[in-house]
């Protein structure tokens, strides 16, 4: 943060910031115990040590709380995915595996939040628009990289970059979700990252396979 004199300083969290964070933490804790439909605003407010009326100063609904939580996690995923866009000396099997691995790790850590976001996708219009925006964001950066790899000769031609990116991103989302849910059948934790990495590499680069440590 910059003061009026242009000197960097650390701002202490405001009381309101702490209450908002307490609501978010309460929601994530409760989601690990039960579905969002069974969580009430009164419960979220009580967990944060505030009244029901005070809750609405921070969030307009419990879905808004879920959205804020899911946005935090998706921003972390996006930051990891951007590493694939950075042109460096690392081969694609390393950067792709790292990005997918980071996504899988965040689904393990924040599975209840992300599952709730997916499960409300078809029932709550605001959550559908929000989740589709997240997917669209990942599609855009992936399509950009696919196009760049083709332009420099690192990847062969194929389906339109955006079409290929849409298929790959939705594949990831479904696989992360079903593994996190423990659906039968689904990929188990040990299979998830190497399997998705192999599919991405073969779909984009045709002949590249992941390294053993992926």
Foldseek 3Di string as FASTA:
>chain_A
DQDPVRDDDDDDDDPVNLLLVQLLVQLLVVLVVDAPVPDALQSSQVSSVHHSVVSCVNPVGVVRSLLVNVVVLLVQLVVLLCVCVDDDDDDNLVSLLRSLVSVLVSCQVRVSSLLNLVVCLVPDVVSVVSVVVSLVVQLVSQLVSLVVCCVVPQWPDDPRSSVLSSVLSVVSSVQSNCQSVVDVVGDHPVCNSQVSSQVVCCSRHVPDHHDPVD
